[in-house]
PDB file of N, CA and C in Angstrom:
ATOM      1  N   MET A   1      23.939   9.546   5.969  1.00  0.00           N
ATOM      2  CA  MET A   1      22.891  10.547   5.874  1.00  0.00           C
ATOM      3  C   MET A   1      21.841  10.377   6.955  1.00  0.00           C
ATOM      4  N   ALA A   2      22.192   9.839   8.094  1.00  0.00           N
ATOM      5  CA  ALA A   2      21.253   9.637   9.180  1.00  0.00           C
ATOM      6  C   ALA A   2      20.818  10.952   9.810  1.00  0.00           C
ATOM      7  N   ASN A   3      21.551  12.030   9.588  1.00  0.00           N
ATOM      8  CA  ASN A   3      21.218  13.321  10.178  1.00  0.00           C
ATOM      9  C   ASN A   3      20.443  14.210   9.214  1.00  0.00           C
ATOM     10  N   VAL A   4      19.869  13.620   8.166  1.00  0.00           N
ATOM     11  CA  VAL A   4      19.156  14.387   7.147  1.00  0.00           C
ATOM     12  C   VAL A   4      17.722  13.893   7.056  1.00  0.00           C
ATOM     13  N   ILE A   5      16.793  14.836   6.916  1.00  0.00           N
ATOM     14  CA  ILE A   5      15.379  14.530   6.735  1.00  0.00           C
ATOM     15  C   ILE A   5      15.033  14.825   5.276  1.00  0.00           C
ATOM     16  N   SER A   6      14.343  13.916   4.620  1.00  0.00           N
ATOM     17  CA  SER A   6      13.840  14.159   3.273  1.00  0.00           C
ATOM     18  C   SER A   6      12.342  14.392   3.377  1.00  0.00           C
ATOM     19  N   ILE A   7      11.886  15.503   2.805  1.00  0.00           N
ATOM     20  CA  ILE A   7      10.468  15.852   2.858  1.00  0.00           C
ATOM     21  C   ILE A   7      10.077  16.468   1.520  1.00  0.00           C
ATOM     22  N   MET A   8       8.860  16.174   1.066  1.00  0.00           N
ATOM     23  CA  MET A   8       8.404  16.683  -0.214  1.00  0.00           C
ATOM     24  C   MET A   8       7.742  18.046  -0.029  1.00  0.00           C
ATOM     25  N   CYS A   9       8.010  18.937  -0.953  1.00  0.00           N
ATOM     26  CA  CYS A   9       7.383  20.258  -0.944  1.00  0.00           C
ATOM     27  C   CYS A   9       5.872  20.080  -1.069  1.00  0.00           C
ATOM     28  N   PRO A  10       5.090  20.770  -0.228  1.00  0.00           N
ATOM     29  CA  PRO A  10       3.634  20.606  -0.283  1.00  0.00           C
ATOM     30  C   PRO A  10       2.965  21.321  -1.468  1.00  0.00           C
ATOM     31  N   ASN A  11       3.705  22.146  -2.192  1.00  0.00           N
ATOM     32  CA  ASN A  11       3.161  22.853  -3.346  1.00  0.00           C
ATOM     33  C   ASN A  11       2.915  21.830  -4.458  1.00  0.00           C
ATOM     34  N   LEU A  12       1.669  21.656  -4.863  1.00  0.00           N
ATOM     35  CA  LEU A  12       1.297  20.626  -5.828  1.00  0.00           C
ATOM     36  C   LEU A  12       1.921  20.827  -7.202  1.00  0.00           C
ATOM     37  N   THR A  13       2.321  22.038  -7.531  1.00  0.00           N
ATOM     38  CA  THR A  13       2.965  22.261  -8.823  1.00  0.00           C
ATOM     39  C   THR A  13       4.476  22.100  -8.742  1.00  0.00           C
ATOM     40  N   CYS A  14       5.015  21.895  -7.553  1.00  0.00           N
ATOM     41  CA  CYS A  14       6.465  21.766  -7.366  1.00  0.00           C
ATOM     42  C   CYS A  14       6.848  20.334  -7.000  1.00  0.00           C
ATOM     43  N   ARG A  15       6.463  19.904  -5.824  1.00  0.00           N
ATOM     44  CA  ARG A  15       6.710  18.549  -5.303  1.00  0.00           C
ATOM     45  C   ARG A  15       8.198  18.172  -5.253  1.00  0.00           C
ATOM     46  N   ALA A  16       9.088  19.160  -5.122  1.00  0.00           N
ATOM     47  CA  ALA A  16      10.523  18.884  -5.001  1.00  0.00           C
ATOM     48  C   ALA A  16      10.797  18.183  -3.673  1.00  0.00           C
ATOM     49  N   VAL A  17      11.817  17.341  -3.643  1.00  0.00           N
ATOM     50  CA  VAL A  17      12.212  16.670  -2.412  1.00  0.00           C
ATOM     51  C   VAL A  17      13.280  17.534  -1.740  1.00  0.00           C
ATOM     52  N   LEU A  18      12.972  17.976  -0.525  1.00  0.00           N
ATOM     53  CA  LEU A  18      13.910  18.795   0.241  1.00  0.00           C
ATOM     54  C   LEU A  18      14.666  17.895   1.194  1.00  0.00           C
ATOM     55  N   ARG A  19      15.953  18.129   1.323  1.00  0.00           N
ATOM     56  CA  ARG A  19      16.780  17.398   2.284  1.00  0.00           C
ATOM     57  C   ARG A  19      17.327  18.417   3.260  1.00  0.00           C
ATOM     58  N   VAL A  20      16.882  18.303   4.513  1.00  0.00           N
ATOM     59  CA  VAL A  20      17.253  19.283   5.540  1.00  0.00           C
ATOM     60  C   VAL A  20      17.856  18.571   6.746  1.00  0.00           C
ATOM     61  N   PRO A  21      18.696  19.261   7.532  1.00  0.00           N
ATOM     62  CA  PRO A  21      19.287  18.641   8.721  1.00  0.00           C
ATOM     63  C   PRO A  21      18.240  18.345   9.788  1.00  0.00           C
ATOM     64  N   GLN A  22      18.511  17.347  10.637  1.00  0.00           N
ATOM     65  CA  GLN A  22      17.618  16.978  11.744  1.00  0.00           C
ATOM     66  C   GLN A  22      17.318  18.180  12.636  1.00  0.00           C
ATOM     67  N   GLN A  23      18.252  19.107  12.756  1.00  0.00           N
ATOM     68  CA  GLN A  23      18.095  20.257  13.649  1.00  0.00           C
ATOM     69  C   GLN A  23      16.974  21.197  13.203  1.00  0.00           C
ATOM     70  N   THR A  24      16.456  21.027  11.995  1.00  0.00           N
ATOM     71  CA  THR A  24      15.384  21.906  11.517  1.00  0.00           C
ATOM     72  C   THR A  24      13.996  21.427  11.932  1.00  0.00           C
ATOM     73  N   ARG A  25      13.891  20.309  12.645  1.00  0.00           N
ATOM     74  CA  ARG A  25      12.576  19.819  13.094  1.00  0.00           C
ATOM     75  C   ARG A  25      11.859  20.913  13.878  1.00  0.00           C
ATOM     76  N   GLY A  26      10.609  21.163  13.513  1.00  0.00           N
ATOM     77  CA  GLY A  26       9.800  22.169  14.181  1.00  0.00           C
ATOM     78  C   GLY A  26      10.044  23.584  13.680  1.00  0.00           C
ATOM     79  N   LYS A  27      10.945  23.765  12.718  1.00  0.00           N
ATOM     80  CA  LYS A  27      11.256  25.097  12.190  1.00  0.00           C
ATOM     81  C   LYS A  27      10.709  25.249  10.787  1.00  0.00           C
ATOM     82  N   LYS A  28      10.589  26.502  10.352  1.00  0.00           N
ATOM     83  CA  LYS A  28      10.111  26.794   9.005  1.00  0.00           C
ATOM     84  C   LYS A  28      11.301  26.852   8.055  1.00  0.00           C
ATOM     85  N   VAL A  29      11.112  26.272   6.866  1.00  0.00           N
ATOM     86  CA  VAL A  29      12.117  26.330   5.805  1.00  0.00           C
ATOM     87  C   VAL A  29      11.421  26.738   4.515  1.00  0.00           C
ATOM     88  N   ARG A  30      12.207  27.181   3.556  1.00  0.00           N
ATOM     89  CA  ARG A  30      11.666  27.603   2.270  1.00  0.00           C
ATOM     90  C   ARG A  30      12.174  26.668   1.179  1.00  0.00           C
ATOM     91  N   CYS A  31      11.274  26.245   0.312  1.00  0.00           N
ATOM     92  CA  CYS A  31      11.645  25.394  -0.810  1.00  0.00           C
ATOM     93  C   CYS A  31      12.519  26.199  -1.771  1.00  0.00           C
ATOM     94  N   ALA A  32      13.675  25.654  -2.134  1.00  0.00           N
ATOM     95  CA  ALA A  32      14.586  26.338  -3.045  1.00  0.00           C
ATOM     96  C   ALA A  32      14.045  26.389  -4.471  1.00  0.00           C
ATOM     97  N   GLN A  33      13.135  25.468  -4.810  1.00  0.00           N
ATOM     98  CA  GLN A  33      12.588  25.412  -6.168  1.00  0.00           C
ATOM     99  C   GLN A  33      11.493  26.455  -6.411  1.00  0.00           C
ATOM    100  N   CYS A  34      10.531  26.542  -5.458  1.00  0.00           N
ATOM    101  CA  CYS A  34       9.359  27.387  -5.703  1.00  0.00           C
ATOM    102  C   CYS A  34       9.166  28.500  -4.670  1.00  0.00           C
ATOM    103  N   GLY A  35       9.888  28.430  -3.550  1.00  0.00           N
ATOM    104  CA  GLY A  35       9.782  29.472  -2.536  1.00  0.00           C
ATOM    105  C   GLY A  35       8.692  29.239  -1.502  1.00  0.00           C
ATOM    106  N   THR A  36       7.978  28.128  -1.573  1.00  0.00           N
ATOM    107  CA  THR A  36       6.940  27.817  -0.596  1.00  0.00           C
ATOM    108  C   THR A  36       7.566  27.625   0.781  1.00  0.00           C
ATOM    109  N   THR A  37       6.958  28.224   1.800  1.00  0.00           N
ATOM    110  CA  THR A  37       7.430  28.056   3.170  1.00  0.00           C
ATOM    111  C   THR A  37       6.669  26.901   3.805  1.00  0.00           C
ATOM    112  N   LEU A  38       7.401  25.993   4.469  1.00  0.00           N
ATOM    113  CA  LEU A  38       6.773  24.873   5.151  1.00  0.00           C
ATOM    114  C   LEU A  38       7.462  24.640   6.481  1.00  0.00           C
ATOM    115  N   THR A  39       6.740  24.035   7.403  1.00  0.00           N
ATOM    116  CA  THR A  39       7.288  23.698   8.710  1.00  0.00           C
ATOM    117  C   THR A  39       7.680  22.232   8.702  1.00  0.00           C
ATOM    118  N   ILE A  40       8.918  21.957   9.102  1.00  0.00           N
ATOM    119  CA  ILE A  40       9.402  20.576   9.189  1.00  0.00           C
ATOM    120  C   ILE A  40       8.757  19.958  10.426  1.00  0.00           C
ATOM    121  N   PRO A  41       8.065  18.825  10.273  1.00  0.00           N
ATOM    122  CA  PRO A  41       7.378  18.227  11.422  1.00  0.00           C
ATOM    123  C   PRO A  41       8.353  17.788  12.505  1.00  0.00           C
ATOM    124  N   LYS A  42       7.894  17.897  13.742  1.00  0.00           N
ATOM    125  CA  LYS A  42       8.679  17.386  14.856  1.00  0.00           C
ATOM    126  C   LYS A  42       8.626  15.871  14.822  1.00  0.00           C
ATOM    127  N   SER A  43       9.551  15.234  15.466  1.00  0.00           N
ATOM    128  CA  SER A  43       9.640  13.776  15.461  1.00  0.00           C
ATOM    129  C   SER A  43       8.360  13.153  15.997  1.00  0.00           C
ATOM    130  N   GLY A  44       7.851  12.145  15.284  1.00  0.00           N
ATOM    131  CA  GLY A  44       6.692  11.392  15.747  1.00  0.00           C
ATOM    132  C   GLY A  44       5.358  12.082  15.553  1.00  0.00           C
ATOM    133  N   THR A  45       5.249  13.116  14.698  1.00  0.00           N
ATOM    134  CA  THR A  45       3.971  13.798  14.532  1.00  0.00           C
ATOM    135  C   THR A  45       3.104  13.170  13.443  1.00  0.00           C
ATOM    136  N   ALA A  46       3.691  12.396  12.538  1.00  0.00           N
ATOM    137  CA  ALA A  46       2.901  11.768  11.477  1.00  0.00           C
ATOM    138  C   ALA A  46       2.297  10.466  11.985  1.00  0.00           C
ATOM    139  N   PRO A  47       1.055  10.162  11.588  1.00  0.00           N
ATOM    140  CA  PRO A  47       0.463   8.898  12.033  1.00  0.00           C
ATOM    141  C   PRO A  47       1.157   7.722  11.363  1.00  0.00           C
ATOM    142  N   PRO A  48       1.242   6.584  12.045  1.00  0.00           N
ATOM    143  CA  PRO A  48       1.831   5.409  11.409  1.00  0.00           C
ATOM    144  C   PRO A  48       0.997   4.990  10.206  1.00  0.00           C
ATOM    145  N   PRO A  49       1.609   4.371   9.185  1.00  0.00           N
ATOM    146  CA  PRO A  49       0.876   4.033   7.956  1.00  0.00           C
ATOM    147  C   PRO A  49      -0.380   3.200   8.185  1.00  0.00           C
ATOM    148  N   ASP A  50      -0.399   2.324   9.179  1.00  0.00           N
ATOM    149  CA  ASP A  50      -1.585   1.494   9.406  1.00  0.00           C
ATOM    150  C   ASP A  50      -2.733   2.283  10.019  1.00  0.00           C
ATOM    151  N   ARG A  51      -2.495   3.504  10.458  1.00  0.00           N
ATOM    152  CA  ARG A  51      -3.538   4.340  11.057  1.00  0.00           C
ATOM    153  C   ARG A  51      -4.094   5.364  10.072  1.00  0.00           C
ATOM    154  N   LEU A  52      -3.608   5.391   8.843  1.00  0.00           N
ATOM    155  CA  LEU A  52      -4.084   6.365   7.875  1.00  0.00           C
ATOM    156  C   LEU A  52      -5.575   6.203   7.591  1.00  0.00           C
ATOM    157  N   SER A  53      -6.102   5.007   7.711  1.00  0.00           N
ATOM    158  CA  SER A  53      -7.526   4.793   7.455  1.00  0.00           C
ATOM    159  C   SER A  53      -8.387   5.444   8.530  1.00  0.00           C
ATOM    160  N   ASP A  54      -7.804   5.780   9.694  1.00  0.00           N
ATOM    161  CA  ASP A  54      -8.548   6.429  10.773  1.00  0.00           C
ATOM    162  C   ASP A  54      -8.702   7.939  10.545  1.00  0.00           C
ATOM    163  N   LEU A  55      -7.965   8.485   9.586  1.00  0.00           N
ATOM    164  CA  LEU A  55      -8.047   9.924   9.324  1.00  0.00           C
ATOM    165  C   LEU A  55      -9.368  10.255   8.654  1.00  0.00           C
ATOM    166  N   PRO A  56      -9.928  11.439   8.947  1.00  0.00           N
ATOM    167  CA  PRO A  56     -11.198  11.812   8.300  1.00  0.00           C
ATOM    168  C   PRO A  56     -10.994  12.060   6.810  1.00  0.00           C
ATOM    169  N   ALA A  57     -12.013  11.758   6.026  1.00  0.00           N
ATOM    170  CA  ALA A  57     -11.951  11.986   4.595  1.00  0.00           C
ATOM    171  C   ALA A  57     -12.036  13.485   4.335  1.00  0.00           C
ATOM    172  N   ARG A  58     -11.496  13.901   3.195  1.00  0.00           N
ATOM    173  CA  ARG A  58     -11.588  15.315   2.815  1.00  0.00           C
ATOM    174  C   ARG A  58     -13.024  15.649   2.488  1.00  0.00           C
ATOM    175  N   PRO A  59     -13.471  16.843   2.900  1.00  0.00           N
ATOM    176  CA  PRO A  59     -14.847  17.227   2.540  1.00  0.00           C
ATOM    177  C   PRO A  59     -14.955  17.469   1.034  1.00  0.00           C
ATOM    178  N   PRO A  60     -16.116  17.228   0.455  1.00  0.00           N
ATOM    179  CA  PRO A  60     -16.289  17.446  -0.997  1.00  0.00           C
ATOM    180  C   PRO A  60     -16.168  18.920  -1.328  1.00  0.00           C
ATOM    181  N   LYS A  61     -15.725  19.211  -2.554  1.00  0.00           N
ATOM    182  CA  LYS A  61     -15.565  20.622  -2.988  1.00  0.00           C
ATOM    183  C   LYS A  61     -16.859  21.161  -3.525  1.00  0.00           C
TER     184      LYS A  61
END
């Protein structure tokens, strides 16, 4: 399964795990569970786990 990307649906009421081919990087896909459209990130776009503390905090609601 090296050619498959696993990504979680961003819809907070769904959170299904999507498994898509590597070729979908940078393309939009639709969650089969809830229909939410999301873009599969291109390779290397997520910050490494040790850099998560450098991200800005969410503004208060």
